[in-house]
Amino acid sequence: MGCRCWVAVERHLALMTHDPQFTYYLRFTHYQQFTHHLQFTHYLPPAIHPPPAVPMPTVSRWFIKSGILFMVASMVVALAMAAPDAWGLPGWVSVLRPTHFHLFAVGWITQMIFGVALWFFPKKSREAPRGSAWVNWSCFGTLNAGLVLRAVAETAFVQGYTGTGWSWVMTVAAVLQFAAAVLFAFAIWPRVKGRRKRKKKEK
């Protein structure tokens, strides 16, 4: 009798709250309809408990930490550009705006997006939840290699080094960054999907 009454109370509370994330904390020390004292804590329903924390994959950690380093580097360049004379720096430092832009936009923002996307997007499959590890790491390597080469080449250009060699360095940097974008699209495209519907069991 007591158990049935308690189940009815639980169902009534579940209908009244209409909140799937609400945790029901109920403690009874005395109830008139029960013949004995009850004292317990009950959570309803068990299926809606908060899911366990999703571990951050290694490649995402490298993307995010590299992005933080490039963000700091871009701020250092911005500080140097603001007052090169005060720091005793050469005059060409004041025209490093393209380098500052790429360090911030590609090095910080883009890498943060790539790292978080590879971490949180829906799983590709049970066997390879985040897709091919080779593709993900290749994306990381080509993006950062292209970014470093581009920053070096742009710094050389503002100093007046416009030879063919530096032009080739800039071209290689652009190709590497383009390859990183293609690899990221290849890795993340299959993971952009909605909730999979469960198939009804045939009777």
C-alpha atoms as a PDB file:
ATOM      1  CA  MET A   1       0.000   0.000   0.000  1.00  0.00           C
ATOM      2  CA  GLY A   2       2.761   2.436   0.968  1.00  0.00           C
ATOM      3  CA  CYS A   3       4.838   1.731  -2.153  1.00  0.00           C
ATOM      4  CA  ARG A   4       1.879   2.231  -4.485  1.00  0.00           C
ATOM      5  CA  CYS A   5       1.018   5.525  -2.809  1.00  0.00           C
ATOM      6  CA  TRP A   6       4.595   6.694  -3.161  1.00  0.00           C
ATOM      7  CA  VAL A   7       4.717   5.848  -6.866  1.00  0.00           C
ATOM      8  CA  ALA A   8       1.550   7.900  -7.356  1.00  0.00           C
ATOM      9  CA  VAL A   9       3.158  10.862  -5.589  1.00  0.00           C
ATOM     10  CA  GLU A  10       6.231  10.589  -7.836  1.00  0.00           C
ATOM     11  CA  ARG A  11       4.157  10.561 -11.011  1.00  0.00           C
ATOM     12  CA  HIS A  12       2.129  13.525  -9.824  1.00  0.00           C
ATOM     13  CA  LEU A  13       5.292  15.582  -9.173  1.00  0.00           C
ATOM     14  CA  ALA A  14       6.768  14.624 -12.538  1.00  0.00           C
ATOM     15  CA  LEU A  15       3.630  15.873 -14.317  1.00  0.00           C
ATOM     16  CA  MET A  16       3.466  19.096 -12.314  1.00  0.00           C
ATOM     17  CA  THR A  17       7.064  20.259 -12.904  1.00  0.00           C
ATOM     18  CA  HIS A  18       7.306  19.773 -16.706  1.00  0.00           C
ATOM     19  CA  ASP A  19      11.057  20.207 -16.331  1.00  0.00           C
ATOM     20  CA  PRO A  20      13.184  17.236 -17.493  1.00  0.00           C
ATOM     21  CA  GLN A  21      16.275  18.614 -15.751  1.00  0.00           C
ATOM     22  CA  PHE A  22      14.626  19.011 -12.363  1.00  0.00           C
ATOM     23  CA  THR A  23      16.020  16.769  -9.593  1.00  0.00           C
ATOM     24  CA  TYR A  24      13.462  15.573  -7.175  1.00  0.00           C
ATOM     25  CA  TYR A  25      14.802  15.679  -3.626  1.00  0.00           C
ATOM     26  CA  LEU A  26      12.157  14.259  -1.331  1.00  0.00           C
ATOM     27  CA  ARG A  27      12.566  13.410   2.307  1.00  0.00           C
ATOM     28  CA  PHE A  28       9.689  11.952   4.397  1.00  0.00           C
ATOM     29  CA  THR A  29      10.066  11.413   8.141  1.00  0.00           C
ATOM     30  CA  HIS A  30       6.440  10.832   8.797  1.00  0.00           C
ATOM     31  CA  TYR A  31       3.380  10.249   6.628  1.00  0.00           C
ATOM     32  CA  GLN A  32      -0.173   9.710   7.892  1.00  0.00           C
ATOM     33  CA  GLN A  33      -1.073   7.078   5.298  1.00  0.00           C
ATOM     34  CA  PHE A  34       2.018   5.004   6.055  1.00  0.00           C
ATOM     35  CA  THR A  35       2.180   2.670   9.022  1.00  0.00           C
ATOM     36  CA  HIS A  36       5.854   3.321   9.550  1.00  0.00           C
ATOM     37  CA  HIS A  37       8.283   6.172   9.277  1.00  0.00           C
ATOM     38  CA  LEU A  38      10.054   6.756   5.922  1.00  0.00           C
ATOM     39  CA  GLN A  39      13.260   8.658   5.481  1.00  0.00           C
ATOM     40  CA  PHE A  40      15.040   8.502   2.149  1.00  0.00           C
ATOM     41  CA  THR A  41      16.260  10.493  -0.818  1.00  0.00           C
ATOM     42  CA  HIS A  42      14.955   9.638  -4.289  1.00  0.00           C
ATOM     43  CA  TYR A  43      15.897  10.941  -7.711  1.00  0.00           C
ATOM     44  CA  LEU A  44      13.530  10.811 -10.671  1.00  0.00           C
ATOM     45  CA  PRO A  45      13.896   9.700 -13.380  1.00  0.00           C
ATOM     46  CA  PRO A  46      17.369   8.090 -13.542  1.00  0.00           C
ATOM     47  CA  ALA A  47      17.504   8.488 -17.343  1.00  0.00           C
ATOM     48  CA  ILE A  48      17.749  12.294 -17.124  1.00  0.00           C
ATOM     49  CA  HIS A  49      20.697  12.547 -14.758  1.00  0.00           C
ATOM     50  CA  PRO A  50      23.451  14.843 -16.115  1.00  0.00           C
ATOM     51  CA  PRO A  51      25.651  12.930 -18.576  1.00  0.00           C
ATOM     52  CA  PRO A  52      29.271  12.317 -17.611  1.00  0.00           C
ATOM     53  CA  ALA A  53      31.819  14.875 -18.743  1.00  0.00           C
ATOM     54  CA  VAL A  54      33.116  14.287 -22.269  1.00  0.00           C
ATOM     55  CA  PRO A  55      36.924  13.861 -22.156  1.00  0.00           C
ATOM     56  CA  MET A  56      38.804  16.301 -24.369  1.00  0.00           C
ATOM     57  CA  PRO A  57      40.682  14.473 -27.143  1.00  0.00           C
ATOM     58  CA  THR A  58      44.394  15.062 -27.488  1.00  0.00           C
ATOM     59  CA  VAL A  59      44.158  16.780 -30.865  1.00  0.00           C
ATOM     60  CA  SER A  60      41.615  19.255 -29.462  1.00  0.00           C
ATOM     61  CA  ARG A  61      43.958  20.050 -26.573  1.00  0.00           C
ATOM     62  CA  TRP A  62      46.751  20.788 -29.042  1.00  0.00           C
ATOM     63  CA  PHE A  63      44.485  22.981 -31.158  1.00  0.00           C
ATOM     64  CA  ILE A  64      43.256  24.991 -28.167  1.00  0.00           C
ATOM     65  CA  LYS A  65      46.644  25.371 -26.454  1.00  0.00           C
ATOM     66  CA  SER A  66      48.294  26.392 -29.721  1.00  0.00           C
ATOM     67  CA  GLY A  67      45.497  28.907 -30.233  1.00  0.00           C
ATOM     68  CA  ILE A  68      46.157  30.401 -26.796  1.00  0.00           C
ATOM     69  CA  LEU A  69      49.871  30.764 -27.620  1.00  0.00           C
ATOM     70  CA  PHE A  70      49.102  32.476 -30.933  1.00  0.00           C
ATOM     71  CA  MET A  71      46.619  34.767 -29.186  1.00  0.00           C
ATOM     72  CA  VAL A  72      49.353  35.884 -26.784  1.00  0.00           C
ATOM     73  CA  ALA A  73      51.755  36.325 -29.732  1.00  0.00           C
ATOM     74  CA  SER A  74      49.226  38.498 -31.574  1.00  0.00           C
ATOM     75  CA  MET A  75      48.802  40.691 -28.489  1.00  0.00           C
ATOM     76  CA  VAL A  76      52.590  41.081 -28.244  1.00  0.00           C
ATOM     77  CA  VAL A  77      52.725  42.171 -31.899  1.00  0.00           C
ATOM     78  CA  ALA A  78      49.864  44.613 -31.314  1.00  0.00           C
ATOM     79  CA  LEU A  79      51.685  46.080 -28.323  1.00  0.00           C
ATOM     80  CA  ALA A  80      54.878  46.453 -30.340  1.00  0.00           C
ATOM     81  CA  MET A  81      52.974  48.104 -33.194  1.00  0.00           C
ATOM     82  CA  ALA A  82      51.357  50.630 -30.865  1.00  0.00           C
ATOM     83  CA  ALA A  83      54.621  52.237 -29.740  1.00  0.00           C
ATOM     84  CA  PRO A  84      57.763  50.813 -31.374  1.00  0.00           C
ATOM     85  CA  ASP A  85      59.869  53.819 -30.376  1.00  0.00           C
ATOM     86  CA  ALA A  86      59.037  53.350 -26.702  1.00  0.00           C
ATOM     87  CA  TRP A  87      60.371  49.797 -26.823  1.00  0.00           C
ATOM     88  CA  GLY A  88      63.415  50.655 -28.931  1.00  0.00           C
ATOM     89  CA  LEU A  89      62.146  48.649 -31.923  1.00  0.00           C
ATOM     90  CA  PRO A  90      62.781  49.400 -35.604  1.00  0.00           C
ATOM     91  CA  GLY A  91      60.204  51.390 -37.539  1.00  0.00           C
ATOM     92  CA  TRP A  92      59.016  48.505 -39.704  1.00  0.00           C
ATOM     93  CA  VAL A  93      57.379  46.934 -36.634  1.00  0.00           C
ATOM     94  CA  SER A  94      54.569  49.512 -36.916  1.00  0.00           C
ATOM     95  CA  VAL A  95      53.375  47.980 -40.224  1.00  0.00           C
ATOM     96  CA  LEU A  96      53.017  44.390 -39.003  1.00  0.00           C
ATOM     97  CA  ARG A  97      49.223  44.633 -39.195  1.00  0.00           C
ATOM     98  CA  PRO A  98      48.853  41.636 -41.603  1.00  0.00           C
ATOM     99  CA  THR A  99      50.967  39.483 -39.267  1.00  0.00           C
ATOM    100  CA  HIS A 100      48.920  40.549 -36.253  1.00  0.00           C
ATOM    101  CA  PHE A 101      45.679  39.822 -38.119  1.00  0.00           C
ATOM    102  CA  HIS A 102      46.692  36.310 -39.164  1.00  0.00           C
ATOM    103  CA  LEU A 103      48.069  35.411 -35.749  1.00  0.00           C
ATOM    104  CA  PHE A 104      44.792  36.439 -34.149  1.00  0.00           C
ATOM    105  CA  ALA A 105      42.228  35.340 -36.770  1.00  0.00           C
ATOM    106  CA  VAL A 106      43.837  32.076 -37.878  1.00  0.00           C
ATOM    107  CA  GLY A 107      46.108  31.257 -34.969  1.00  0.00           C
ATOM    108  CA  TRP A 108      43.607  31.995 -32.191  1.00  0.00           C
ATOM    109  CA  ILE A 109      40.020  32.056 -33.472  1.00  0.00           C
ATOM    110  CA  THR A 110      40.276  29.407 -36.193  1.00  0.00           C
ATOM    111  CA  GLN A 111      42.225  26.954 -34.049  1.00  0.00           C
ATOM    112  CA  MET A 112      39.792  27.396 -31.177  1.00  0.00           C
ATOM    113  CA  ILE A 113      36.872  26.646 -33.532  1.00  0.00           C
ATOM    114  CA  PHE A 114      38.624  23.589 -34.987  1.00  0.00           C
ATOM    115  CA  GLY A 115      39.549  22.183 -31.572  1.00  0.00           C
ATOM    116  CA  VAL A 116      36.123  22.640 -30.002  1.00  0.00           C
ATOM    117  CA  ALA A 117      34.326  21.326 -33.093  1.00  0.00           C
ATOM    118  CA  LEU A 118      36.384  18.121 -33.162  1.00  0.00           C
ATOM    119  CA  TRP A 119      35.618  17.716 -29.467  1.00  0.00           C
ATOM    120  CA  PHE A 120      31.893  18.434 -29.250  1.00  0.00           C
ATOM    121  CA  PHE A 121      30.335  17.610 -32.613  1.00  0.00           C
ATOM    122  CA  PRO A 122      28.273  14.379 -32.798  1.00  0.00           C
ATOM    123  CA  LYS A 123      30.262  11.177 -33.029  1.00  0.00           C
ATOM    124  CA  LYS A 124      30.942   9.814 -36.469  1.00  0.00           C
ATOM    125  CA  SER A 125      30.640   6.167 -35.413  1.00  0.00           C
ATOM    126  CA  ARG A 126      31.274   3.907 -32.441  1.00  0.00           C
ATOM    127  CA  GLU A 127      34.493   2.609 -33.955  1.00  0.00           C
ATOM    128  CA  ALA A 128      35.866   6.085 -34.770  1.00  0.00           C
ATOM    129  CA  PRO A 129      33.855   8.648 -32.798  1.00  0.00           C
ATOM    130  CA  ARG A 130      35.967  11.588 -34.002  1.00  0.00           C
ATOM    131  CA  GLY A 131      36.828  10.290 -37.433  1.00  0.00           C
ATOM    132  CA  SER A 132      40.295   9.594 -38.740  1.00  0.00           C
ATOM    133  CA  ALA A 133      43.051  10.555 -36.318  1.00  0.00           C
ATOM    134  CA  TRP A 134      45.428  10.948 -39.260  1.00  0.00           C
ATOM    135  CA  VAL A 135      43.160  13.530 -40.900  1.00  0.00           C
ATOM    136  CA  ASN A 136      42.717  15.470 -37.643  1.00  0.00           C
ATOM    137  CA  TRP A 137      46.437  15.621 -36.905  1.00  0.00           C
ATOM    138  CA  SER A 138      47.244  16.486 -40.530  1.00  0.00           C
ATOM    139  CA  CYS A 139      44.806  19.372 -40.251  1.00  0.00           C
ATOM    140  CA  PHE A 140      46.584  20.593 -37.117  1.00  0.00           C
ATOM    141  CA  GLY A 141      50.044  20.268 -38.666  1.00  0.00           C
ATOM    142  CA  THR A 142      49.278  21.966 -41.981  1.00  0.00           C
ATOM    143  CA  LEU A 143      47.369  24.830 -40.332  1.00  0.00           C
ATOM    144  CA  ASN A 144      50.160  25.680 -37.895  1.00  0.00           C
ATOM    145  CA  ALA A 145      52.975  25.165 -40.394  1.00  0.00           C
ATOM    146  CA  GLY A 146      51.211  27.450 -42.863  1.00  0.00           C
ATOM    147  CA  LEU A 147      50.575  30.056 -40.181  1.00  0.00           C
ATOM    148  CA  VAL A 148      54.205  30.161 -39.029  1.00  0.00           C
ATOM    149  CA  LEU A 149      55.537  30.376 -42.608  1.00  0.00           C
ATOM    150  CA  ARG A 150      53.060  33.145 -43.448  1.00  0.00           C
ATOM    151  CA  ALA A 151      54.012  35.167 -40.360  1.00  0.00           C
ATOM    152  CA  VAL A 152      57.719  34.873 -41.243  1.00  0.00           C
ATOM    153  CA  ALA A 153      57.139  35.789 -44.905  1.00  0.00           C
ATOM    154  CA  GLU A 154      54.931  38.777 -44.082  1.00  0.00           C
ATOM    155  CA  THR A 155      57.547  40.046 -41.632  1.00  0.00           C
ATOM    156  CA  ALA A 156      60.182  39.722 -44.356  1.00  0.00           C
ATOM    157  CA  PHE A 157      58.011  41.615 -46.854  1.00  0.00           C
ATOM    158  CA  VAL A 158      57.525  44.625 -44.564  1.00  0.00           C
ATOM    159  CA  GLN A 159      61.327  44.808 -44.176  1.00  0.00           C
ATOM    160  CA  GLY A 160      61.731  45.052 -47.944  1.00  0.00           C
ATOM    161  CA  TYR A 161      62.656  41.463 -48.777  1.00  0.00           C
ATOM    162  CA  THR A 162      60.562  40.878 -51.891  1.00  0.00           C
ATOM    163  CA  GLY A 163      62.645  38.273 -53.676  1.00  0.00           C
ATOM    164  CA  THR A 164      61.302  35.185 -55.404  1.00  0.00           C
ATOM    165  CA  GLY A 165      62.237  32.990 -52.474  1.00  0.00           C
ATOM    166  CA  TRP A 166      59.960  34.816 -50.057  1.00  0.00           C
ATOM    167  CA  SER A 167      57.166  34.771 -52.607  1.00  0.00           C
ATOM    168  CA  TRP A 168      57.456  30.997 -52.723  1.00  0.00           C
ATOM    169  CA  VAL A 169      57.369  30.830 -48.935  1.00  0.00           C
ATOM    170  CA  MET A 170      54.139  32.837 -48.961  1.00  0.00           C
ATOM    171  CA  THR A 171      52.690  30.527 -51.632  1.00  0.00           C
ATOM    172  CA  VAL A 172      53.572  27.389 -49.674  1.00  0.00           C
ATOM    173  CA  ALA A 173      52.031  28.919 -46.546  1.00  0.00           C
ATOM    174  CA  ALA A 174      48.784  29.676 -48.382  1.00  0.00           C
ATOM    175  CA  VAL A 175      48.651  26.141 -49.821  1.00  0.00           C
ATOM    176  CA  LEU A 176      49.184  24.606 -46.377  1.00  0.00           C
ATOM    177  CA  GLN A 177      46.393  26.701 -44.850  1.00  0.00           C
ATOM    178  CA  PHE A 178      44.079  25.781 -47.717  1.00  0.00           C
ATOM    179  CA  ALA A 179      44.907  22.102 -47.179  1.00  0.00           C
ATOM    180  CA  ALA A 180      44.082  22.488 -43.483  1.00  0.00           C
ATOM    181  CA  ALA A 181      40.670  23.929 -44.354  1.00  0.00           C
ATOM    182  CA  VAL A 182      39.950  21.033 -46.727  1.00  0.00           C
ATOM    183  CA  LEU A 183      41.062  18.454 -44.150  1.00  0.00           C
ATOM    184  CA  PHE A 184      38.879  20.026 -41.474  1.00  0.00           C
ATOM    185  CA  ALA A 185      35.865  20.020 -43.807  1.00  0.00           C
ATOM    186  CA  PHE A 186      36.553  16.365 -44.641  1.00  0.00           C
ATOM    187  CA  ALA A 187      36.789  15.465 -40.940  1.00  0.00           C
ATOM    188  CA  ILE A 188      33.782  17.388 -39.669  1.00  0.00           C
ATOM    189  CA  TRP A 189      31.277  17.035 -42.546  1.00  0.00           C
ATOM    190  CA  PRO A 190      30.138  13.466 -41.653  1.00  0.00           C
ATOM    191  CA  ARG A 191      29.612  14.581 -38.042  1.00  0.00           C
ATOM    192  CA  VAL A 192      27.142  17.345 -38.915  1.00  0.00           C
ATOM    193  CA  LYS A 193      23.937  15.381 -38.470  1.00  0.00           C
ATOM    194  CA  GLY A 194      20.708  15.367 -36.520  1.00  0.00           C
ATOM    195  CA  ARG A 195      19.485  12.925 -33.925  1.00  0.00           C
ATOM    196  CA  ARG A 196      19.236   9.416 -35.295  1.00  0.00           C
ATOM    197  CA  LYS A 197      15.800   7.883 -35.023  1.00  0.00           C
ATOM    198  CA  ARG A 198      15.535   4.494 -33.458  1.00  0.00           C
ATOM    199  CA  LYS A 199      14.156   1.783 -35.653  1.00  0.00           C
ATOM    200  CA  LYS A 200      10.956   0.228 -34.431  1.00  0.00           C
ATOM    201  CA  LYS A 201      11.254  -3.432 -33.662  1.00  0.00           C
ATOM    202  CA  GLU A 202       9.214  -5.594 -35.917  1.00  0.00           C
ATOM    203  CA  LYS A 203       6.620  -7.646 -34.127  1.00  0.00           C
END
